Every structure is written in structure tokens, then in C-alpha cells.
Amino acid sequence: MGDGNDGAAAQAQVASEPQTQGDQAARAAVTAAPQDSGTTAGDGDEAVARARADYEAALAERDARIAELEGEIAEAAKTAESAEKLRAEMDQLRRRGDEERVGFELQLAGARNVKAARALLPDHDNDIEKLKAAEPWLFSASSAPAPTGATGLPNAGATTDEGATMRRWRGIAGLPEDKE
């Protein structure tokens, strides 16, 4: 301690170490200890060194907090990204469902061309009845009902007598009966 460099060495060692609140208090105690420099120029150098060390400590603390916040932001961005992705997927499914619903309703209304009817629908406030009244050519009078009744063929699984059918047709044609 005779030459006054021991205090400067302690300050340099404290300034180079990572700072925490406990380290800052210890360093402040070391730098506040009286030095045996004997000159006033040494006191000015010590104040500059102390200010530099405090500044570097504050920078280190700020950098650590920034790194911590960047990590939190990255994690929040991941969840926000996935939430936004899910929202986009939900919106797409809703749009597709609405399109399918409109197409189905147009088919039920008897639209001859669903694509053309869908293109004209926004001009009529998306109301199918208004579109049907304004553009009757786009819709058929009624959807053709499925045919009902006999087809002329025997029912599936019914027994048939082919011999009787042949005799009948021979009689209609005026051919003699086969005597086999």
C-alpha cells in the first residue's frame, strides 16, 4: 500500500467483473476508501475511473436486461405467431363454409349455373330471393322431380317364366307355337 497503486488495481479488478447489485455496493466501498496518493491529480483520476466503472456497470446491467427482454419478446412473438396462424386458418375455414353454404342454397333455389349466380349475388345484397326475382333466366322453374312408377322391367328378385313371355310374344307376332 505504500505506492498508492494497490487501490487502482482493486478498482480495475472490480470494474472488469460482471456487476450485480451486491457487487456494485462492494465496489463502491472499495473506491470510497482513502488512497495514499498524496496529490490532487490522483483524486481526479480516481473520480474519472470511478465514473467510468459506474458507467460500465450501468451498461452491463442494461445489456443484461435488454437480453432478458429480447428473450421474452421472442417467446411472446412465437405465441403471437401461432395465434395469428390459427386465426388465419379459422378465417379461411369460415370463408370456405360460407361459400359452400351459398352454393348449396343456390342449388336448392334451382340455379342453372351456380358460378354465374354467385357472381351476380353481391349485386342483389347477397339475397337469393332478390336475385331470383331480378334474374329469372338464371333459375329453372322447378327442379325436375325424380321419376316414379313402373319401368316395365320385373322387380329385382322376382321369379319370371320366360316360357310364358316367349309364348306371348310369339302370339303377338303371329308365329306358331313351338312344340318342343
C-alpha atoms as a PDB file:
ATOM      1  CA  MET A   1       0.000   0.000   0.000  1.00  0.00           C
ATOM      2  CA  GLY A   2       2.985   2.251   0.033  1.00  0.00           C
ATOM      3  CA  ASP A   3       2.882   3.436  -3.575  1.00  0.00           C
ATOM      4  CA  GLY A   4      -0.869   4.008  -3.978  1.00  0.00           C
ATOM      5  CA  ASN A   5      -1.273   1.538  -6.865  1.00  0.00           C
ATOM      6  CA  ASP A   6      -2.990  -1.096  -4.723  1.00  0.00           C
ATOM      7  CA  GLY A   7      -6.275   0.882  -4.767  1.00  0.00           C
ATOM      8  CA  ALA A   8      -6.102   1.372  -8.540  1.00  0.00           C
ATOM      9  CA  ALA A   9      -5.517  -2.372  -9.017  1.00  0.00           C
ATOM     10  CA  ALA A  10      -8.548  -3.135  -6.831  1.00  0.00           C
ATOM     11  CA  GLN A  11     -10.653  -0.687  -8.870  1.00  0.00           C
ATOM     12  CA  ALA A  12      -9.537  -2.252 -12.163  1.00  0.00           C
ATOM     13  CA  GLN A  13     -10.347  -5.727 -10.871  1.00  0.00           C
ATOM     14  CA  VAL A  14     -13.803  -4.630  -9.664  1.00  0.00           C
ATOM     15  CA  ALA A  15     -14.533  -2.802 -12.942  1.00  0.00           C
ATOM     16  CA  SER A  16     -13.678  -5.870 -15.039  1.00  0.00           C
ATOM     17  CA  GLU A  17     -16.004  -8.224 -13.108  1.00  0.00           C
ATOM     18  CA  PRO A  18     -19.710  -8.638 -14.041  1.00  0.00           C
ATOM     19  CA  GLN A  19     -21.867  -6.341 -11.988  1.00  0.00           C
ATOM     20  CA  THR A  20     -24.776  -7.168  -9.742  1.00  0.00           C
ATOM     21  CA  GLN A  21     -26.284  -5.006  -7.076  1.00  0.00           C
ATOM     22  CA  GLY A  22     -24.151  -6.656  -4.374  1.00  0.00           C
ATOM     23  CA  ASP A  23     -21.001  -6.223  -6.460  1.00  0.00           C
ATOM     24  CA  GLN A  24     -21.790  -2.575  -7.040  1.00  0.00           C
ATOM     25  CA  ALA A  25     -22.044  -1.940  -3.299  1.00  0.00           C
ATOM     26  CA  ALA A  26     -18.732  -3.709  -2.657  1.00  0.00           C
ATOM     27  CA  ARG A  27     -17.034  -1.781  -5.444  1.00  0.00           C
ATOM     28  CA  ALA A  28     -18.397   1.496  -4.136  1.00  0.00           C
ATOM     29  CA  ALA A  29     -16.881   0.669  -0.743  1.00  0.00           C
ATOM     30  CA  VAL A  30     -13.503  -0.107  -2.317  1.00  0.00           C
ATOM     31  CA  THR A  31     -13.468   3.050  -4.398  1.00  0.00           C
ATOM     32  CA  ALA A  32     -14.587   5.170  -1.445  1.00  0.00           C
ATOM     33  CA  ALA A  33     -11.605   4.034   0.644  1.00  0.00           C
ATOM     34  CA  PRO A  34      -8.995   6.766   1.050  1.00  0.00           C
ATOM     35  CA  GLN A  35      -5.950   6.431  -1.163  1.00  0.00           C
ATOM     36  CA  ASP A  36      -2.407   7.360  -0.274  1.00  0.00           C
ATOM     37  CA  SER A  37      -1.669   9.168  -3.497  1.00  0.00           C
ATOM     38  CA  GLY A  38      -0.705  12.444  -1.870  1.00  0.00           C
ATOM     39  CA  THR A  39      -1.628  14.563  -4.883  1.00  0.00           C
ATOM     40  CA  THR A  40      -4.860  16.151  -6.007  1.00  0.00           C
ATOM     41  CA  ALA A  41      -4.310  14.999  -9.587  1.00  0.00           C
ATOM     42  CA  GLY A  42      -4.672  11.402  -8.356  1.00  0.00           C
ATOM     43  CA  ASP A  43      -8.042  12.243  -6.829  1.00  0.00           C
ATOM     44  CA  GLY A  44      -9.287  13.495 -10.233  1.00  0.00           C
ATOM     45  CA  ASP A  45      -8.075  10.308 -11.919  1.00  0.00           C
ATOM     46  CA  GLU A  46      -9.826   8.230  -9.278  1.00  0.00           C
ATOM     47  CA  ALA A  47     -13.080  10.119  -9.810  1.00  0.00           C
ATOM     48  CA  VAL A  48     -12.841   9.538 -13.575  1.00  0.00           C
ATOM     49  CA  ALA A  49     -12.065   5.864 -13.046  1.00  0.00           C
ATOM     50  CA  ARG A  50     -14.949   5.571 -10.594  1.00  0.00           C
ATOM     51  CA  ALA A  51     -17.333   7.300 -13.009  1.00  0.00           C
ATOM     52  CA  ARG A  52     -16.147   5.045 -15.843  1.00  0.00           C
ATOM     53  CA  ALA A  53     -16.652   1.953 -13.705  1.00  0.00           C
ATOM     54  CA  ASP A  54     -20.139   3.087 -12.690  1.00  0.00           C
ATOM     55  CA  TYR A  55     -20.980   3.795 -16.309  1.00  0.00           C
ATOM     56  CA  GLU A  56     -19.700   0.389 -17.445  1.00  0.00           C
ATOM     57  CA  ALA A  57     -21.654  -1.291 -14.655  1.00  0.00           C
ATOM     58  CA  ALA A  58     -24.825   0.504 -15.693  1.00  0.00           C
ATOM     59  CA  LEU A  59     -24.201  -0.501 -19.316  1.00  0.00           C
ATOM     60  CA  ALA A  60     -23.657  -4.131 -18.328  1.00  0.00           C
ATOM     61  CA  GLU A  61     -26.853  -4.128 -16.265  1.00  0.00           C
ATOM     62  CA  ARG A  62     -28.770  -2.519 -19.122  1.00  0.00           C
ATOM     63  CA  ASP A  63     -27.386  -5.040 -21.638  1.00  0.00           C
ATOM     64  CA  ALA A  64     -28.408  -7.933 -19.389  1.00  0.00           C
ATOM     65  CA  ARG A  65     -31.931  -6.529 -19.041  1.00  0.00           C
ATOM     66  CA  ILE A  66     -32.141  -5.989 -22.815  1.00  0.00           C
ATOM     67  CA  ALA A  67     -31.125  -9.603 -23.436  1.00  0.00           C
ATOM     68  CA  GLU A  68     -33.743 -10.773 -20.936  1.00  0.00           C
ATOM     69  CA  LEU A  69     -36.444  -8.660 -22.580  1.00  0.00           C
ATOM     70  CA  GLU A  70     -35.434  -9.847 -26.056  1.00  0.00           C
ATOM     71  CA  GLY A  71     -35.915 -13.424 -24.869  1.00  0.00           C
ATOM     72  CA  GLU A  72     -39.356 -12.578 -23.508  1.00  0.00           C
ATOM     73  CA  ILE A  73     -40.271 -10.796 -26.749  1.00  0.00           C
ATOM     74  CA  ALA A  74     -39.132 -13.769 -28.833  1.00  0.00           C
ATOM     75  CA  GLU A  75     -41.261 -16.115 -26.740  1.00  0.00           C
ATOM     76  CA  ALA A  76     -44.259 -13.805 -26.935  1.00  0.00           C
ATOM     77  CA  ALA A  77     -43.751 -13.477 -30.686  1.00  0.00           C
ATOM     78  CA  LYS A  78     -43.858 -17.262 -31.047  1.00  0.00           C
ATOM     79  CA  THR A  79     -47.197 -17.482 -29.268  1.00  0.00           C
ATOM     80  CA  ALA A  80     -48.498 -14.449 -31.138  1.00  0.00           C
ATOM     81  CA  GLU A  81     -47.320 -16.021 -34.405  1.00  0.00           C
ATOM     82  CA  SER A  82     -49.113 -19.275 -33.673  1.00  0.00           C
ATOM     83  CA  ALA A  83     -52.237 -17.415 -32.551  1.00  0.00           C
ATOM     84  CA  GLU A  84     -52.203 -15.368 -35.759  1.00  0.00           C
ATOM     85  CA  LYS A  85     -51.726 -18.533 -37.799  1.00  0.00           C
ATOM     86  CA  LEU A  86     -54.724 -20.154 -36.096  1.00  0.00           C
ATOM     87  CA  ARG A  87     -56.821 -17.027 -36.645  1.00  0.00           C
ATOM     88  CA  ALA A  88     -55.950 -17.069 -40.350  1.00  0.00           C
ATOM     89  CA  GLU A  89     -56.878 -20.749 -40.591  1.00  0.00           C
ATOM     90  CA  MET A  90     -60.196 -20.106 -38.809  1.00  0.00           C
ATOM     91  CA  ASP A  91     -60.990 -17.215 -41.159  1.00  0.00           C
ATOM     92  CA  GLN A  92     -60.221 -19.377 -44.170  1.00  0.00           C
ATOM     93  CA  LEU A  93     -62.488 -22.153 -42.877  1.00  0.00           C
ATOM     94  CA  ARG A  94     -65.282 -19.644 -42.227  1.00  0.00           C
ATOM     95  CA  ARG A  95     -64.981 -18.224 -45.755  1.00  0.00           C
ATOM     96  CA  ARG A  96     -64.990 -21.696 -47.276  1.00  0.00           C
ATOM     97  CA  GLY A  97     -68.026 -22.669 -45.171  1.00  0.00           C
ATOM     98  CA  ASP A  98     -69.884 -19.528 -46.258  1.00  0.00           C
ATOM     99  CA  GLU A  99     -69.069 -20.211 -49.910  1.00  0.00           C
ATOM    100  CA  GLU A 100     -70.290 -23.799 -49.629  1.00  0.00           C
ATOM    101  CA  ARG A 101     -73.469 -22.672 -47.858  1.00  0.00           C
ATOM    102  CA  VAL A 102     -74.233 -20.095 -50.561  1.00  0.00           C
ATOM    103  CA  GLY A 103     -73.567 -22.655 -53.299  1.00  0.00           C
ATOM    104  CA  PHE A 104     -75.870 -25.153 -51.617  1.00  0.00           C
ATOM    105  CA  GLU A 105     -78.629 -22.561 -51.194  1.00  0.00           C
ATOM    106  CA  LEU A 106     -78.313 -21.575 -54.867  1.00  0.00           C
ATOM    107  CA  GLN A 107     -78.617 -25.222 -55.889  1.00  0.00           C
ATOM    108  CA  LEU A 108     -81.701 -25.607 -53.716  1.00  0.00           C
ATOM    109  CA  ALA A 109     -83.180 -22.481 -55.293  1.00  0.00           C
ATOM    110  CA  GLY A 110     -82.770 -24.122 -58.709  1.00  0.00           C
ATOM    111  CA  ALA A 111     -79.858 -22.141 -60.118  1.00  0.00           C
ATOM    112  CA  ARG A 112     -78.918 -23.394 -63.577  1.00  0.00           C
ATOM    113  CA  ASN A 113     -75.360 -22.120 -63.177  1.00  0.00           C
ATOM    114  CA  VAL A 114     -74.187 -21.735 -59.584  1.00  0.00           C
ATOM    115  CA  LYS A 115     -70.981 -19.953 -60.592  1.00  0.00           C
ATOM    116  CA  ALA A 116     -72.855 -17.278 -62.556  1.00  0.00           C
ATOM    117  CA  ALA A 117     -75.447 -16.898 -59.801  1.00  0.00           C
ATOM    118  CA  ARG A 118     -72.692 -16.498 -57.217  1.00  0.00           C
ATOM    119  CA  ALA A 119     -71.069 -13.784 -59.347  1.00  0.00           C
ATOM    120  CA  LEU A 120     -74.343 -11.826 -59.557  1.00  0.00           C
ATOM    121  CA  LEU A 121     -75.337 -12.334 -55.922  1.00  0.00           C
ATOM    122  CA  PRO A 122     -73.418  -9.303 -54.497  1.00  0.00           C
ATOM    123  CA  ASP A 123     -75.362  -7.024 -56.893  1.00  0.00           C
ATOM    124  CA  HIS A 124     -78.561  -8.091 -55.105  1.00  0.00           C
ATOM    125  CA  ASP A 125     -77.401  -7.659 -51.481  1.00  0.00           C
ATOM    126  CA  ASN A 126     -76.458 -11.362 -51.244  1.00  0.00           C
ATOM    127  CA  ASP A 127     -80.164 -12.211 -51.160  1.00  0.00           C
ATOM    128  CA  ILE A 128     -81.025 -15.251 -53.274  1.00  0.00           C
ATOM    129  CA  GLU A 129     -84.712 -14.357 -53.467  1.00  0.00           C
ATOM    130  CA  LYS A 130     -83.897 -10.872 -54.846  1.00  0.00           C
ATOM    131  CA  LEU A 131     -81.529 -12.454 -57.367  1.00  0.00           C
ATOM    132  CA  LYS A 132     -84.184 -14.975 -58.359  1.00  0.00           C
ATOM    133  CA  ALA A 133     -86.749 -12.185 -58.900  1.00  0.00           C
ATOM    134  CA  ALA A 134     -84.322  -9.969 -60.854  1.00  0.00           C
ATOM    135  CA  GLU A 135     -82.702 -12.704 -62.951  1.00  0.00           C
ATOM    136  CA  PRO A 136     -85.330 -15.409 -63.549  1.00  0.00           C
ATOM    137  CA  TRP A 137     -83.435 -16.784 -66.561  1.00  0.00           C
ATOM    138  CA  LEU A 138     -80.729 -17.975 -64.169  1.00  0.00           C
ATOM    139  CA  PHE A 139     -83.099 -20.277 -62.323  1.00  0.00           C
ATOM    140  CA  SER A 140     -85.132 -23.225 -63.580  1.00  0.00           C
ATOM    141  CA  ALA A 141     -88.873 -23.177 -62.975  1.00  0.00           C
ATOM    142  CA  SER A 142     -88.537 -26.118 -60.646  1.00  0.00           C
ATOM    143  CA  SER A 143     -86.055 -28.813 -60.177  1.00  0.00           C
ATOM    144  CA  ALA A 144     -87.062 -31.896 -62.156  1.00  0.00           C
ATOM    145  CA  PRO A 145     -88.614 -34.427 -59.813  1.00  0.00           C
ATOM    146  CA  ALA A 146     -87.243 -37.920 -59.825  1.00  0.00           C
ATOM    147  CA  PRO A 147     -89.364 -40.231 -61.987  1.00  0.00           C
ATOM    148  CA  THR A 148     -91.623 -42.593 -60.113  1.00  0.00           C
ATOM    149  CA  GLY A 149     -93.637 -45.575 -61.212  1.00  0.00           C
ATOM    150  CA  ALA A 150     -93.008 -48.780 -63.149  1.00  0.00           C
ATOM    151  CA  THR A 151     -90.131 -49.118 -65.561  1.00  0.00           C
ATOM    152  CA  GLY A 152     -91.544 -52.102 -67.425  1.00  0.00           C
ATOM    153  CA  LEU A 153     -88.929 -54.427 -66.022  1.00  0.00           C
ATOM    154  CA  PRO A 154     -89.610 -57.094 -63.445  1.00  0.00           C
ATOM    155  CA  ASN A 155     -88.730 -56.300 -59.863  1.00  0.00           C
ATOM    156  CA  ALA A 156     -85.358 -57.474 -58.708  1.00  0.00           C
ATOM    157  CA  GLY A 157     -85.560 -60.928 -57.226  1.00  0.00           C
ATOM    158  CA  ALA A 158     -88.987 -61.690 -58.706  1.00  0.00           C
ATOM    159  CA  THR A 159     -89.390 -65.056 -60.418  1.00  0.00           C
ATOM    160  CA  THR A 160     -90.074 -64.970 -64.122  1.00  0.00           C
ATOM    161  CA  ASP A 161     -91.450 -67.509 -66.523  1.00  0.00           C
ATOM    162  CA  GLU A 162     -89.507 -66.986 -69.689  1.00  0.00           C
ATOM    163  CA  GLY A 163     -91.556 -69.601 -71.487  1.00  0.00           C
ATOM    164  CA  ALA A 164     -94.755 -67.631 -70.888  1.00  0.00           C
ATOM    165  CA  THR A 165     -93.114 -64.453 -72.095  1.00  0.00           C
ATOM    166  CA  MET A 166     -91.943 -66.142 -75.308  1.00  0.00           C
ATOM    167  CA  ARG A 167     -95.382 -67.610 -75.998  1.00  0.00           C
ATOM    168  CA  ARG A 168     -96.913 -64.182 -75.500  1.00  0.00           C
ATOM    169  CA  TRP A 169     -94.522 -62.522 -77.934  1.00  0.00           C
ATOM    170  CA  ARG A 170     -94.977 -65.319 -80.497  1.00  0.00           C
ATOM    171  CA  GLY A 171     -98.713 -64.790 -80.302  1.00  0.00           C
ATOM    172  CA  ILE A 172     -98.332 -61.046 -80.816  1.00  0.00           C
ATOM    173  CA  ALA A 173     -96.041 -61.667 -83.776  1.00  0.00           C
ATOM    174  CA  GLY A 174     -98.396 -64.244 -85.282  1.00  0.00           C
ATOM    175  CA  LEU A 175     -95.872 -67.069 -85.174  1.00  0.00           C
ATOM    176  CA  PRO A 176     -96.848 -70.645 -84.460  1.00  0.00           C
ATOM    177  CA  GLU A 177     -96.137 -72.017 -81.022  1.00  0.00           C
ATOM    178  CA  ASP A 178     -93.039 -74.090 -80.666  1.00  0.00           C
ATOM    179  CA  LYS A 179     -93.730 -77.717 -79.802  1.00  0.00           C
ATOM    180  CA  GLU A 180     -90.530 -78.850 -78.332  1.00  0.00           C
END
